[in-house]
């Protein structure tokens, strides 16, 4: 499932990331913030009613805000690592 479909406050793990769906600078920034396959991730808050606002996520121990397009490029899975 995509991160955009994950219910808030449900822990998950990053299964895959479509790095080609974002600019090189954005993908580098997200990698530096700890986004990688296998990382723990939790959707904390979704801004806006249309689903096109920012997504606040906990990646590991850090809270990161990302665009909806970036969240849509991240596949996650729930359950054990």
PDB file of N, CA and C in Angstrom:
ATOM      1  N   UNK A   1       0.843  -1.170   0.000  1.00  0.00           N
ATOM      2  CA  UNK A   1       0.000   0.000   0.000  1.00  0.00           C
ATOM      3  C   UNK A   1       0.889   1.233   0.000  1.00  0.00           C
ATOM      4  N   UNK A   2       0.358   2.323  -0.486  1.00  0.00           N
ATOM      5  CA  UNK A   2       1.093   3.594  -0.517  1.00  0.00           C
ATOM      6  C   UNK A   2       0.972   4.287   0.844  1.00  0.00           C
ATOM      7  N   UNK A   3       1.964   5.087   1.158  1.00  0.00           N
ATOM      8  CA  UNK A   3       1.939   5.855   2.394  1.00  0.00           C
ATOM      9  C   UNK A   3       0.697   6.737   2.458  1.00  0.00           C
ATOM     10  N   UNK A   4       0.234   7.206   1.322  1.00  0.00           N
ATOM     11  CA  UNK A   4      -0.956   8.049   1.284  1.00  0.00           C
ATOM     12  C   UNK A   4      -2.210   7.303   1.728  1.00  0.00           C
ATOM     13  N   UNK A   5      -2.196   5.980   1.716  1.00  0.00           N
ATOM     14  CA  UNK A   5      -3.344   5.175   2.131  1.00  0.00           C
ATOM     15  C   UNK A   5      -3.244   4.685   3.563  1.00  0.00           C
ATOM     16  N   UNK A   6      -2.108   4.879   4.183  1.00  0.00           N
ATOM     17  CA  UNK A   6      -1.893   4.404   5.552  1.00  0.00           C
ATOM     18  C   UNK A   6      -2.714   5.237   6.524  1.00  0.00           C
ATOM     19  N   UNK A   7      -3.352   4.576   7.465  1.00  0.00           N
ATOM     20  CA  UNK A   7      -4.098   5.280   8.506  1.00  0.00           C
ATOM     21  C   UNK A   7      -3.115   5.934   9.474  1.00  0.00           C
ATOM     22  N   UNK A   8      -3.439   7.119   9.956  1.00  0.00           N
ATOM     23  CA  UNK A   8      -2.553   7.777  10.920  1.00  0.00           C
ATOM     24  C   UNK A   8      -2.347   6.929  12.175  1.00  0.00           C
ATOM     25  N   UNK A   9      -1.150   7.050  12.733  1.00  0.00           N
ATOM     26  CA  UNK A   9      -0.753   6.402  13.989  1.00  0.00           C
ATOM     27  C   UNK A   9      -0.701   4.880  13.913  1.00  0.00           C
ATOM     28  N   UNK A  10      -0.482   4.341  12.714  1.00  0.00           N
ATOM     29  CA  UNK A  10      -0.273   2.909  12.530  1.00  0.00           C
ATOM     30  C   UNK A  10       1.157   2.710  12.018  1.00  0.00           C
ATOM     31  N   UNK A  11       2.020   2.102  12.808  1.00  0.00           N
ATOM     32  CA  UNK A  11       3.403   1.909  12.362  1.00  0.00           C
ATOM     33  C   UNK A  11       3.481   1.001  11.139  1.00  0.00           C
ATOM     34  N   UNK A  12       4.465   1.283  10.312  1.00  0.00           N
ATOM     35  CA  UNK A  12       4.679   0.493   9.093  1.00  0.00           C
ATOM     36  C   UNK A  12       6.169   0.518   8.770  1.00  0.00           C
ATOM     37  N   UNK A  13       6.522  -0.170   7.709  1.00  0.00           N
ATOM     38  CA  UNK A  13       7.901  -0.198   7.226  1.00  0.00           C
ATOM     39  C   UNK A  13       7.901   0.171   5.747  1.00  0.00           C
ATOM     40  N   UNK A  14       8.933   0.871   5.334  1.00  0.00           N
ATOM     41  CA  UNK A  14       9.064   1.253   3.930  1.00  0.00           C
ATOM     42  C   UNK A  14       9.419   0.008   3.133  1.00  0.00           C
ATOM     43  N   UNK A  15       8.596  -0.309   2.157  1.00  0.00           N
ATOM     44  CA  UNK A  15       8.831  -1.470   1.310  1.00  0.00           C
ATOM     45  C   UNK A  15       9.643  -1.083   0.074  1.00  0.00           C
ATOM     46  N   UNK A  16       9.259   0.007  -0.574  1.00  0.00           N
ATOM     47  CA  UNK A  16       9.991   0.492  -1.745  1.00  0.00           C
ATOM     48  C   UNK A  16       9.701   1.977  -1.936  1.00  0.00           C
ATOM     49  N   UNK A  17      10.593   2.623  -2.673  1.00  0.00           N
ATOM     50  CA  UNK A  17      10.468   4.055  -2.947  1.00  0.00           C
ATOM     51  C   UNK A  17      10.730   4.282  -4.425  1.00  0.00           C
ATOM     52  N   UNK A  18       9.839   4.996  -5.080  1.00  0.00           N
ATOM     53  CA  UNK A  18      10.029   5.358  -6.482  1.00  0.00           C
ATOM     54  C   UNK A  18      10.792   6.679  -6.522  1.00  0.00           C
ATOM     55  N   UNK A  19      12.117   6.593  -6.466  1.00  0.00           N
ATOM     56  CA  UNK A  19      12.961   7.789  -6.432  1.00  0.00           C
ATOM     57  C   UNK A  19      12.811   8.614  -7.706  1.00  0.00           C
ATOM     58  N   UNK A  20      12.414   8.002  -8.813  1.00  0.00           N
ATOM     59  CA  UNK A  20      12.243   8.733 -10.069  1.00  0.00           C
ATOM     60  C   UNK A  20      11.026   9.647 -10.058  1.00  0.00           C
ATOM     61  N   UNK A  21      10.142   9.478  -9.069  1.00  0.00           N
ATOM     62  CA  UNK A  21       8.934  10.299  -8.986  1.00  0.00           C
ATOM     63  C   UNK A  21       9.199  11.654  -8.336  1.00  0.00           C
ATOM     64  N   UNK A  22      10.431  11.872  -7.873  1.00  0.00           N
ATOM     65  CA  UNK A  22      10.769  13.137  -7.228  1.00  0.00           C
ATOM     66  C   UNK A  22      12.083  13.669  -7.771  1.00  0.00           C
ATOM     67  N   UNK A  23      12.316  14.932  -7.545  1.00  0.00           N
ATOM     68  CA  UNK A  23      13.547  15.543  -8.047  1.00  0.00           C
ATOM     69  C   UNK A  23      14.756  14.966  -7.314  1.00  0.00           C
ATOM     70  N   UNK A  24      15.915  15.126  -7.917  1.00  0.00           N
ATOM     71  CA  UNK A  24      17.147  14.623  -7.304  1.00  0.00           C
ATOM     72  C   UNK A  24      17.386  15.287  -5.954  1.00  0.00           C
ATOM     73  N   UNK A  25      17.130  16.583  -5.860  1.00  0.00           N
ATOM     74  CA  UNK A  25      17.340  17.301  -4.607  1.00  0.00           C
ATOM     75  C   UNK A  25      16.383  16.804  -3.516  1.00  0.00           C
ATOM     76  N   UNK A  26      15.124  16.586  -3.870  1.00  0.00           N
ATOM     77  CA  UNK A  26      14.159  16.086  -2.889  1.00  0.00           C
ATOM     78  C   UNK A  26      14.489  14.669  -2.453  1.00  0.00           C
ATOM     79  N   UNK A  27      14.878  13.822  -3.386  1.00  0.00           N
ATOM     80  CA  UNK A  27      15.223  12.444  -3.012  1.00  0.00           C
ATOM     81  C   UNK A  27      16.475  12.417  -2.138  1.00  0.00           C
ATOM     82  N   UNK A  28      17.442  13.273  -2.429  1.00  0.00           N
ATOM     83  CA  UNK A  28      18.654  13.336  -1.604  1.00  0.00           C
ATOM     84  C   UNK A  28      18.304  13.805  -0.185  1.00  0.00           C
ATOM     85  N   UNK A  29      17.429  14.813  -0.078  1.00  0.00           N
ATOM     86  CA  UNK A  29      17.025  15.318   1.235  1.00  0.00           C
ATOM     87  C   UNK A  29      16.321  14.235   2.047  1.00  0.00           C
ATOM     88  N   UNK A  30      15.404  13.505   1.418  1.00  0.00           N
ATOM     89  CA  UNK A  30      14.685  12.455   2.134  1.00  0.00           C
ATOM     90  C   UNK A  30      15.610  11.302   2.531  1.00  0.00           C
ATOM     91  N   UNK A  31      16.580  10.989   1.692  1.00  0.00           N
ATOM     92  CA  UNK A  31      17.561   9.960   2.067  1.00  0.00           C
ATOM     93  C   UNK A  31      18.376  10.402   3.269  1.00  0.00           C
ATOM     94  N   UNK A  32      18.780  11.675   3.275  1.00  0.00           N
ATOM     95  CA  UNK A  32      19.560  12.202   4.388  1.00  0.00           C
ATOM     96  C   UNK A  32      18.763  12.222   5.681  1.00  0.00           C
ATOM     97  N   UNK A  33      17.447  12.309   5.578  1.00  0.00           N
ATOM     98  CA  UNK A  33      16.590  12.291   6.759  1.00  0.00           C
ATOM     99  C   UNK A  33      16.243  10.872   7.215  1.00  0.00           C
ATOM    100  N   UNK A  34      16.770   9.867   6.534  1.00  0.00           N
ATOM    101  CA  UNK A  34      16.603   8.487   6.969  1.00  0.00           C
ATOM    102  C   UNK A  34      15.584   7.674   6.217  1.00  0.00           C
ATOM    103  N   UNK A  35      15.065   8.186   5.125  1.00  0.00           N
ATOM    104  CA  UNK A  35      14.098   7.423   4.344  1.00  0.00           C
ATOM    105  C   UNK A  35      14.831   6.427   3.452  1.00  0.00           C
ATOM    106  N   UNK A  36      14.593   5.153   3.689  1.00  0.00           N
ATOM    107  CA  UNK A  36      15.183   4.083   2.884  1.00  0.00           C
ATOM    108  C   UNK A  36      14.324   2.836   3.049  1.00  0.00           C
ATOM    109  N   UNK A  37      14.508   1.865   2.183  1.00  0.00           N
ATOM    110  CA  UNK A  37      13.763   0.621   2.273  1.00  0.00           C
ATOM    111  C   UNK A  37      14.062  -0.041   3.613  1.00  0.00           C
ATOM    112  N   UNK A  38      13.020  -0.482   4.292  1.00  0.00           N
ATOM    113  CA  UNK A  38      13.161  -1.139   5.585  1.00  0.00           C
ATOM    114  C   UNK A  38      13.035  -0.195   6.773  1.00  0.00           C
ATOM    115  N   UNK A  39      13.044   1.106   6.542  1.00  0.00           N
ATOM    116  CA  UNK A  39      12.933   2.073   7.644  1.00  0.00           C
ATOM    117  C   UNK A  39      11.531   2.024   8.245  1.00  0.00           C
ATOM    118  N   UNK A  40      11.460   2.240   9.553  1.00  0.00           N
ATOM    119  CA  UNK A  40      10.146   2.329  10.186  1.00  0.00           C
ATOM    120  C   UNK A  40       9.552   3.690   9.870  1.00  0.00           C
ATOM    121  N   UNK A  41       8.256   3.716   9.616  1.00  0.00           N
ATOM    122  CA  UNK A  41       7.574   4.954   9.257  1.00  0.00           C
ATOM    123  C   UNK A  41       6.169   4.924   9.840  1.00  0.00           C
ATOM    124  N   UNK A  42       5.700   6.090  10.246  1.00  0.00           N
ATOM    125  CA  UNK A  42       4.359   6.207  10.802  1.00  0.00           C
ATOM    126  C   UNK A  42       3.772   7.529  10.326  1.00  0.00           C
ATOM    127  N   UNK A  43       2.600   7.481   9.743  1.00  0.00           N
ATOM    128  CA  UNK A  43       1.904   8.695   9.333  1.00  0.00           C
ATOM    129  C   UNK A  43       1.294   9.315  10.579  1.00  0.00           C
ATOM    130  N   UNK A  44       1.673  10.555  10.872  1.00  0.00           N
ATOM    131  CA  UNK A  44       1.160  11.245  12.054  1.00  0.00           C
ATOM    132  C   UNK A  44      -0.014  12.146  11.727  1.00  0.00           C
ATOM    133  N   UNK A  45       0.092  12.850  10.595  1.00  0.00           N
ATOM    134  CA  UNK A  45      -0.941  13.833  10.262  1.00  0.00           C
ATOM    135  C   UNK A  45      -0.944  14.093   8.762  1.00  0.00           C
ATOM    136  N   UNK A  46      -2.127  14.275   8.230  1.00  0.00           N
ATOM    137  CA  UNK A  46      -2.316  14.608   6.821  1.00  0.00           C
ATOM    138  C   UNK A  46      -2.966  15.992   6.772  1.00  0.00           C
ATOM    139  N   UNK A  47      -2.328  16.951   6.131  1.00  0.00           N
ATOM    140  CA  UNK A  47      -2.870  18.310   6.056  1.00  0.00           C
ATOM    141  C   UNK A  47      -3.812  18.442   4.874  1.00  0.00           C
ATOM    142  N   UNK A  48      -4.850  19.201   5.031  1.00  0.00           N
ATOM    143  CA  UNK A  48      -5.786  19.434   3.937  1.00  0.00           C
ATOM    144  C   UNK A  48      -6.812  18.325   3.816  1.00  0.00           C
ATOM    145  N   UNK A  49      -7.951  18.668   3.290  1.00  0.00           N
ATOM    146  CA  UNK A  49      -9.034  17.697   3.132  1.00  0.00           C
ATOM    147  C   UNK A  49      -8.956  16.937   1.815  1.00  0.00           C
ATOM    148  N   UNK A  50      -8.225  17.463   0.861  1.00  0.00           N
ATOM    149  CA  UNK A  50      -8.171  16.831  -0.457  1.00  0.00           C
ATOM    150  C   UNK A  50      -7.127  15.736  -0.555  1.00  0.00           C
ATOM    151  N   UNK A  51      -6.253  15.604   0.454  1.00  0.00           N
ATOM    152  CA  UNK A  51      -5.189  14.604   0.394  1.00  0.00           C
ATOM    153  C   UNK A  51      -3.987  15.079  -0.397  1.00  0.00           C
ATOM    154  N   UNK A  52      -3.996  16.358  -0.810  1.00  0.00           N
ATOM    155  CA  UNK A  52      -2.874  16.868  -1.590  1.00  0.00           C
ATOM    156  C   UNK A  52      -1.977  17.783  -0.764  1.00  0.00           C
ATOM    157  N   UNK A  53      -2.239  17.883   0.535  1.00  0.00           N
ATOM    158  CA  UNK A  53      -1.430  18.722   1.419  1.00  0.00           C
ATOM    159  C   UNK A  53      -0.189  17.977   1.872  1.00  0.00           C
ATOM    160  N   UNK A  54       0.458  18.508   2.881  1.00  0.00           N
ATOM    161  CA  UNK A  54       1.674  17.893   3.415  1.00  0.00           C
ATOM    162  C   UNK A  54       1.328  16.693   4.299  1.00  0.00           C
ATOM    163  N   UNK A  55       2.273  15.784   4.401  1.00  0.00           N
ATOM    164  CA  UNK A  55       2.150  14.612   5.258  1.00  0.00           C
ATOM    165  C   UNK A  55       3.240  14.703   6.311  1.00  0.00           C
ATOM    166  N   UNK A  56       2.851  14.623   7.575  1.00  0.00           N
ATOM    167  CA  UNK A  56       3.826  14.592   8.665  1.00  0.00           C
ATOM    168  C   UNK A  56       4.026  13.133   9.043  1.00  0.00           C
ATOM    169  N   UNK A  57       5.269  12.680   8.981  1.00  0.00           N
ATOM    170  CA  UNK A  57       5.587  11.277   9.229  1.00  0.00           C
ATOM    171  C   UNK A  57       6.735  11.161  10.224  1.00  0.00           C
ATOM    172  N   UNK A  58       6.682  10.109  11.014  1.00  0.00           N
ATOM    173  CA  UNK A  58       7.823   9.778  11.852  1.00  0.00           C
ATOM    174  C   UNK A  58       8.627   8.726  11.095  1.00  0.00           C
ATOM    175  N   UNK A  59       9.870   9.060  10.792  1.00  0.00           N
ATOM    176  CA  UNK A  59      10.789   8.121  10.142  1.00  0.00           C
ATOM    177  C   UNK A  59      11.870   7.822  11.163  1.00  0.00           C
ATOM    178  N   UNK A  60      11.842   6.601  11.686  1.00  0.00           N
ATOM    179  CA  UNK A  60      12.744   6.293  12.793  1.00  0.00           C
ATOM    180  C   UNK A  60      12.337   7.140  13.987  1.00  0.00           C
ATOM    181  N   UNK A  61      13.252   7.999  14.456  1.00  0.00           N
ATOM    182  CA  UNK A  61      12.948   8.877  15.596  1.00  0.00           C
ATOM    183  C   UNK A  61      12.741  10.329  15.166  1.00  0.00           C
ATOM    184  N   UNK A  62      12.744  10.614  13.879  1.00  0.00           N
ATOM    185  CA  UNK A  62      12.637  11.975  13.373  1.00  0.00           C
ATOM    186  C   UNK A  62      11.261  12.204  12.759  1.00  0.00           C
ATOM    187  N   UNK A  63      10.721  13.412  12.946  1.00  0.00           N
ATOM    188  CA  UNK A  63       9.458  13.779  12.313  1.00  0.00           C
ATOM    189  C   UNK A  63       9.765  14.614  11.081  1.00  0.00           C
ATOM    190  N   UNK A  64       9.211  14.194   9.943  1.00  0.00           N
ATOM    191  CA  UNK A  64       9.505  14.800   8.646  1.00  0.00           C
ATOM    192  C   UNK A  64       8.188  15.170   7.971  1.00  0.00           C
ATOM    193  N   UNK A  65       8.152  16.346   7.367  1.00  0.00           N
ATOM    194  CA  UNK A  65       7.004  16.749   6.543  1.00  0.00           C
ATOM    195  C   UNK A  65       7.385  16.552   5.087  1.00  0.00           C
ATOM    196  N   UNK A  66       6.466  15.985   4.321  1.00  0.00           N
ATOM    197  CA  UNK A  66       6.738  15.776   2.896  1.00  0.00           C
ATOM    198  C   UNK A  66       5.494  16.085   2.079  1.00  0.00           C
ATOM    199  N   UNK A  67       5.719  16.358   0.825  1.00  0.00           N
ATOM    200  CA  UNK A  67       4.619  16.631  -0.101  1.00  0.00           C
ATOM    201  C   UNK A  67       3.826  15.353  -0.366  1.00  0.00           C
ATOM    202  N   UNK A  68       2.576  15.541  -0.759  1.00  0.00           N
ATOM    203  CA  UNK A  68       1.714  14.401  -1.071  1.00  0.00           C
ATOM    204  C   UNK A  68       2.283  13.572  -2.215  1.00  0.00           C
ATOM    205  N   UNK A  69       2.892  14.226  -3.204  1.00  0.00           N
ATOM    206  CA  UNK A  69       3.479  13.489  -4.330  1.00  0.00           C
ATOM    207  C   UNK A  69       4.603  12.575  -3.855  1.00  0.00           C
ATOM    208  N   UNK A  70       5.374  13.025  -2.888  1.00  0.00           N
ATOM    209  CA  UNK A  70       6.458  12.190  -2.352  1.00  0.00           C
ATOM    210  C   UNK A  70       5.893  11.037  -1.536  1.00  0.00           C
ATOM    211  N   UNK A  71       4.867  11.327  -0.735  1.00  0.00           N
ATOM    212  CA  UNK A  71       4.232  10.259   0.040  1.00  0.00           C
ATOM    213  C   UNK A  71       3.625   9.204  -0.888  1.00  0.00           C
ATOM    214  N   UNK A  72       3.126   9.620  -2.029  1.00  0.00           N
ATOM    215  CA  UNK A  72       2.544   8.688  -2.994  1.00  0.00           C
ATOM    216  C   UNK A  72       3.585   7.813  -3.673  1.00  0.00           C
ATOM    217  N   UNK A  73       4.857   8.192  -3.592  1.00  0.00           N
ATOM    218  CA  UNK A  73       5.937   7.414  -4.204  1.00  0.00           C
ATOM    219  C   UNK A  73       6.504   6.373  -3.251  1.00  0.00           C
ATOM    220  N   UNK A  74       5.968   6.315  -2.036  1.00  0.00           N
ATOM    221  CA  UNK A  74       6.495   5.412  -1.010  1.00  0.00           C
ATOM    222  C   UNK A  74       5.508   4.289  -0.770  1.00  0.00           C
ATOM    223  N   UNK A  75       5.956   3.051  -0.966  1.00  0.00           N
ATOM    224  CA  UNK A  75       5.147   1.874  -0.661  1.00  0.00           C
ATOM    225  C   UNK A  75       5.527   1.394   0.730  1.00  0.00           C
ATOM    226  N   UNK A  76       4.514   1.084   1.543  1.00  0.00           N
ATOM    227  CA  UNK A  76       4.750   0.629   2.910  1.00  0.00           C
ATOM    228  C   UNK A  76       4.042  -0.683   3.154  1.00  0.00           C
ATOM    229  N   UNK A  77       4.461  -1.345   4.211  1.00  0.00           N
ATOM    230  CA  UNK A  77       3.769  -2.559   4.648  1.00  0.00           C
ATOM    231  C   UNK A  77       3.657  -2.508   6.159  1.00  0.00           C
ATOM    232  N   UNK A  78       2.580  -3.020   6.664  1.00  0.00           N
ATOM    233  CA  UNK A  78       2.387  -3.091   8.099  1.00  0.00           C
ATOM    234  C   UNK A  78       2.803  -4.475   8.573  1.00  0.00           C
ATOM    235  N   UNK A  79       2.951  -4.629   9.848  1.00  0.00           N
ATOM    236  CA  UNK A  79       3.333  -5.922  10.394  1.00  0.00           C
ATOM    237  C   UNK A  79       4.789  -5.950  10.796  1.00  0.00           C
ATOM    238  N   UNK A  80       5.289  -7.149  11.073  1.00  0.00           N
ATOM    239  CA  UNK A  80       6.660  -7.320  11.552  1.00  0.00           C
ATOM    240  C   UNK A  80       7.647  -6.969  10.475  1.00  0.00           C
ATOM    241  N   UNK A  81       8.807  -6.490  10.942  1.00  0.00           N
ATOM    242  CA  UNK A  81       9.887  -6.108  10.020  1.00  0.00           C
ATOM    243  C   UNK A  81      10.392  -7.324   9.335  1.00  0.00           C
TER     244      UNK A  81
END
